[in-house]
Amino acid sequence: MKPAGPVFHCFSVVAVSGWMLLAASWLLVRGKLPGRYLLQVGRAMCRRRHRGELTDFRPEQGRCFVATVQAGVPSDADIGSRLVVLENGTPLPHPHAAHDDIRRLGGGRYSHWTSNVYLATSDDSDPRSNGRRYTVEER
């Protein structure tokens, strides 16, 4: 019979969290985990999630357009982006795409790199004139 109930659940969460903290501390002390990663993760957890509208698109190459987002939002160049690009409220289907794939293949691929979002619209049209609204949401 499996143990169940809120006490067991609470104990499990505390035990796993303690184990992860112990493992991270050991890796940090041994020099296998750079301290800057822990700082980036800590900042990302304590910060408000970013939401905003993408404007000022500029053409890049091929099917790719670039828009700027607020500085300080963790991107794929850092610890990994949690931004989702929405086209009229619907998420574009291919996040974290390689920039060459965005340029060549299009089809709703996008990437958040530093303070830029590289994207191709779902139908490879120009986001400056297709009449759709593009927003980002950190999840």
C-alpha atoms as a PDB file:
ATOM      1  CA  MET A   1       0.000   0.000   0.000  1.00  0.00           C
ATOM      2  CA  LYS A   2       1.355   3.433  -0.991  1.00  0.00           C
ATOM      3  CA  PRO A   3       1.611   6.159   1.634  1.00  0.00           C
ATOM      4  CA  ALA A   4      -0.653   9.080   0.839  1.00  0.00           C
ATOM      5  CA  GLY A   5      -1.957  12.261   2.322  1.00  0.00           C
ATOM      6  CA  PRO A   6      -0.834  15.827   2.816  1.00  0.00           C
ATOM      7  CA  VAL A   7       1.808  15.000   5.458  1.00  0.00           C
ATOM      8  CA  PHE A   8       3.564  12.516   3.150  1.00  0.00           C
ATOM      9  CA  HIS A   9       3.346  14.978   0.252  1.00  0.00           C
ATOM     10  CA  CYS A  10       4.867  17.782   2.361  1.00  0.00           C
ATOM     11  CA  PHE A  11       7.634  15.455   3.581  1.00  0.00           C
ATOM     12  CA  SER A  12       8.392  14.421  -0.030  1.00  0.00           C
ATOM     13  CA  VAL A  13       8.664  18.033  -1.209  1.00  0.00           C
ATOM     14  CA  VAL A  14      10.982  18.934   1.684  1.00  0.00           C
ATOM     15  CA  ALA A  15      13.138  15.814   1.192  1.00  0.00           C
ATOM     16  CA  VAL A  16      13.576  16.330  -2.566  1.00  0.00           C
ATOM     17  CA  SER A  17      14.258  20.068  -2.133  1.00  0.00           C
ATOM     18  CA  GLY A  18      16.866  19.331   0.542  1.00  0.00           C
ATOM     19  CA  TRP A  19      18.521  16.719  -1.646  1.00  0.00           C
ATOM     20  CA  MET A  20      18.682  19.151  -4.598  1.00  0.00           C
ATOM     21  CA  LEU A  21      20.132  21.884  -2.376  1.00  0.00           C
ATOM     22  CA  LEU A  22      22.751  19.470  -1.048  1.00  0.00           C
ATOM     23  CA  ALA A  23      23.694  18.346  -4.591  1.00  0.00           C
ATOM     24  CA  ALA A  24      23.925  21.953  -5.862  1.00  0.00           C
ATOM     25  CA  SER A  25      26.078  22.928  -2.860  1.00  0.00           C
ATOM     26  CA  TRP A  26      28.419  19.990  -3.448  1.00  0.00           C
ATOM     27  CA  LEU A  27      28.772  20.875  -7.157  1.00  0.00           C
ATOM     28  CA  LEU A  28      29.391  24.523  -6.284  1.00  0.00           C
ATOM     29  CA  VAL A  29      32.087  23.688  -3.717  1.00  0.00           C
ATOM     30  CA  ARG A  30      33.792  21.259  -6.124  1.00  0.00           C
ATOM     31  CA  GLY A  31      33.870  23.950  -8.825  1.00  0.00           C
ATOM     32  CA  LYS A  32      31.632  21.980 -11.187  1.00  0.00           C
ATOM     33  CA  LEU A  33      28.810  24.522 -11.066  1.00  0.00           C
ATOM     34  CA  PRO A  34      29.703  28.200 -11.671  1.00  0.00           C
ATOM     35  CA  GLY A  35      28.146  30.513  -9.090  1.00  0.00           C
ATOM     36  CA  ARG A  36      26.850  32.858 -11.792  1.00  0.00           C
ATOM     37  CA  TYR A  37      24.315  30.220 -12.879  1.00  0.00           C
ATOM     38  CA  LEU A  38      22.855  30.087  -9.383  1.00  0.00           C
ATOM     39  CA  LEU A  39      22.601  33.884  -9.345  1.00  0.00           C
ATOM     40  CA  GLN A  40      20.842  33.911 -12.727  1.00  0.00           C
ATOM     41  CA  VAL A  41      18.371  31.248 -11.619  1.00  0.00           C
ATOM     42  CA  GLY A  42      17.721  33.087  -8.348  1.00  0.00           C
ATOM     43  CA  ARG A  43      17.113  36.382 -10.140  1.00  0.00           C
ATOM     44  CA  ALA A  44      14.800  34.719 -12.656  1.00  0.00           C
ATOM     45  CA  MET A  45      12.726  33.150  -9.871  1.00  0.00           C
ATOM     46  CA  CYS A  46      12.314  36.392  -7.924  1.00  0.00           C
ATOM     47  CA  ARG A  47      11.505  38.679 -10.826  1.00  0.00           C
ATOM     48  CA  ARG A  48       8.075  39.530 -12.242  1.00  0.00           C
ATOM     49  CA  ARG A  49       7.236  37.681 -15.421  1.00  0.00           C
ATOM     50  CA  HIS A  50       7.500  39.778 -18.548  1.00  0.00           C
ATOM     51  CA  ARG A  51       4.543  40.484 -20.830  1.00  0.00           C
ATOM     52  CA  GLY A  52       4.455  42.922 -23.668  1.00  0.00           C
ATOM     53  CA  GLU A  53       3.700  43.721 -27.247  1.00  0.00           C
ATOM     54  CA  LEU A  54       6.266  43.296 -29.998  1.00  0.00           C
ATOM     55  CA  THR A  55       6.581  46.395 -32.118  1.00  0.00           C
ATOM     56  CA  ASP A  56       9.196  47.958 -34.366  1.00  0.00           C
ATOM     57  CA  PHE A  57       9.876  44.834 -36.399  1.00  0.00           C
ATOM     58  CA  ARG A  58      12.828  45.066 -38.718  1.00  0.00           C
ATOM     59  CA  PRO A  59      13.623  42.608 -41.490  1.00  0.00           C
ATOM     60  CA  GLU A  60      16.667  40.454 -40.904  1.00  0.00           C
ATOM     61  CA  GLN A  61      17.297  37.787 -43.590  1.00  0.00           C
ATOM     62  CA  GLY A  62      14.968  35.544 -45.540  1.00  0.00           C
ATOM     63  CA  ARG A  63      11.722  35.049 -43.640  1.00  0.00           C
ATOM     64  CA  CYS A  64      13.144  36.363 -40.363  1.00  0.00           C
ATOM     65  CA  PHE A  65      12.161  39.593 -38.599  1.00  0.00           C
ATOM     66  CA  VAL A  66      13.620  40.973 -35.374  1.00  0.00           C
ATOM     67  CA  ALA A  67      11.906  42.854 -32.538  1.00  0.00           C
ATOM     68  CA  THR A  68      13.355  44.083 -29.252  1.00  0.00           C
ATOM     69  CA  VAL A  69      12.136  43.027 -25.805  1.00  0.00           C
ATOM     70  CA  GLN A  70      12.854  44.446 -22.373  1.00  0.00           C
ATOM     71  CA  ALA A  71      16.454  44.003 -21.243  1.00  0.00           C
ATOM     72  CA  GLY A  72      17.049  41.622 -18.351  1.00  0.00           C
ATOM     73  CA  VAL A  73      14.580  38.922 -19.404  1.00  0.00           C
ATOM     74  CA  PRO A  74      16.530  35.617 -19.410  1.00  0.00           C
ATOM     75  CA  SER A  75      17.066  34.418 -22.969  1.00  0.00           C
ATOM     76  CA  ASP A  76      18.406  31.331 -24.705  1.00  0.00           C
ATOM     77  CA  ALA A  77      21.818  33.033 -24.624  1.00  0.00           C
ATOM     78  CA  ASP A  78      21.670  32.872 -20.788  1.00  0.00           C
ATOM     79  CA  ILE A  79      19.897  30.154 -18.835  1.00  0.00           C
ATOM     80  CA  GLY A  80      17.091  29.584 -21.337  1.00  0.00           C
ATOM     81  CA  SER A  81      14.169  31.644 -22.469  1.00  0.00           C
ATOM     82  CA  ARG A  82      10.668  31.181 -21.117  1.00  0.00           C
ATOM     83  CA  LEU A  83       9.152  33.677 -23.567  1.00  0.00           C
ATOM     84  CA  VAL A  84       6.275  32.529 -25.717  1.00  0.00           C
ATOM     85  CA  VAL A  85       5.477  34.561 -28.827  1.00  0.00           C
ATOM     86  CA  LEU A  86       1.749  34.911 -29.481  1.00  0.00           C
ATOM     87  CA  GLU A  87       0.228  35.779 -32.854  1.00  0.00           C
ATOM     88  CA  ASN A  88      -3.262  37.173 -32.214  1.00  0.00           C
ATOM     89  CA  GLY A  89      -3.258  35.307 -28.888  1.00  0.00           C
ATOM     90  CA  THR A  90      -2.150  31.945 -30.325  1.00  0.00           C
ATOM     91  CA  PRO A  91       1.374  30.703 -29.547  1.00  0.00           C
ATOM     92  CA  LEU A  92       3.675  30.319 -32.524  1.00  0.00           C
ATOM     93  CA  PRO A  93       4.454  26.612 -32.937  1.00  0.00           C
ATOM     94  CA  HIS A  94       8.277  26.405 -32.990  1.00  0.00           C
ATOM     95  CA  PRO A  95      10.123  28.046 -30.051  1.00  0.00           C
ATOM     96  CA  HIS A  96      13.911  27.982 -29.517  1.00  0.00           C
ATOM     97  CA  ALA A  97      14.531  27.539 -33.240  1.00  0.00           C
ATOM     98  CA  ALA A  98      17.945  27.979 -34.805  1.00  0.00           C
ATOM     99  CA  HIS A  99      18.238  31.365 -36.476  1.00  0.00           C
ATOM    100  CA  ASP A 100      19.152  29.769 -39.816  1.00  0.00           C
ATOM    101  CA  ASP A 101      15.956  27.668 -39.642  1.00  0.00           C
ATOM    102  CA  ILE A 102      13.904  30.794 -38.967  1.00  0.00           C
ATOM    103  CA  ARG A 103      15.457  32.471 -42.007  1.00  0.00           C
ATOM    104  CA  ARG A 104      15.109  29.481 -44.340  1.00  0.00           C
ATOM    105  CA  LEU A 105      12.002  27.610 -43.160  1.00  0.00           C
ATOM    106  CA  GLY A 106       9.861  30.251 -41.432  1.00  0.00           C
ATOM    107  CA  GLY A 107       6.496  28.766 -40.477  1.00  0.00           C
ATOM    108  CA  GLY A 108       6.162  30.226 -36.989  1.00  0.00           C
ATOM    109  CA  ARG A 109       9.692  29.544 -35.782  1.00  0.00           C
ATOM    110  CA  TYR A 110      11.185  31.942 -33.243  1.00  0.00           C
ATOM    111  CA  SER A 111      14.061  32.463 -30.859  1.00  0.00           C
ATOM    112  CA  HIS A 112      14.647  34.808 -27.933  1.00  0.00           C
ATOM    113  CA  TRP A 113      18.320  35.788 -27.947  1.00  0.00           C
ATOM    114  CA  THR A 114      19.631  38.492 -25.581  1.00  0.00           C
ATOM    115  CA  SER A 115      17.153  41.380 -25.936  1.00  0.00           C
ATOM    116  CA  ASN A 116      15.883  40.370 -29.390  1.00  0.00           C
ATOM    117  CA  VAL A 117      13.166  38.071 -30.627  1.00  0.00           C
ATOM    118  CA  TYR A 118      13.891  36.542 -34.031  1.00  0.00           C
ATOM    119  CA  LEU A 119      10.698  35.276 -35.627  1.00  0.00           C
ATOM    120  CA  ALA A 120       8.914  34.218 -38.764  1.00  0.00           C
ATOM    121  CA  THR A 121       5.137  34.577 -38.791  1.00  0.00           C
ATOM    122  CA  SER A 122       2.942  31.499 -39.117  1.00  0.00           C
ATOM    123  CA  ASP A 123       2.367  32.149 -42.839  1.00  0.00           C
ATOM    124  CA  ASP A 124       5.715  33.883 -43.488  1.00  0.00           C
ATOM    125  CA  SER A 125       4.048  37.247 -44.085  1.00  0.00           C
ATOM    126  CA  ASP A 126       5.478  40.593 -43.037  1.00  0.00           C
ATOM    127  CA  PRO A 127       4.477  41.290 -39.381  1.00  0.00           C
ATOM    128  CA  ARG A 128       4.610  45.034 -40.061  1.00  0.00           C
ATOM    129  CA  SER A 129       1.731  44.866 -42.540  1.00  0.00           C
ATOM    130  CA  ASN A 130      -0.237  41.622 -42.037  1.00  0.00           C
ATOM    131  CA  GLY A 131      -2.671  43.154 -39.525  1.00  0.00           C
ATOM    132  CA  ARG A 132      -1.896  40.700 -36.729  1.00  0.00           C
ATOM    133  CA  ARG A 133      -0.867  41.535 -33.186  1.00  0.00           C
ATOM    134  CA  TYR A 134       2.311  39.991 -31.781  1.00  0.00           C
ATOM    135  CA  THR A 135       2.880  39.754 -28.051  1.00  0.00           C
ATOM    136  CA  VAL A 136       5.289  37.942 -25.737  1.00  0.00           C
ATOM    137  CA  GLU A 137       4.526  36.281 -22.462  1.00  0.00           C
ATOM    138  CA  GLU A 138       6.992  34.739 -20.044  1.00  0.00           C
ATOM    139  CA  ARG A 139       5.718  31.417 -18.750  1.00  0.00           C
END
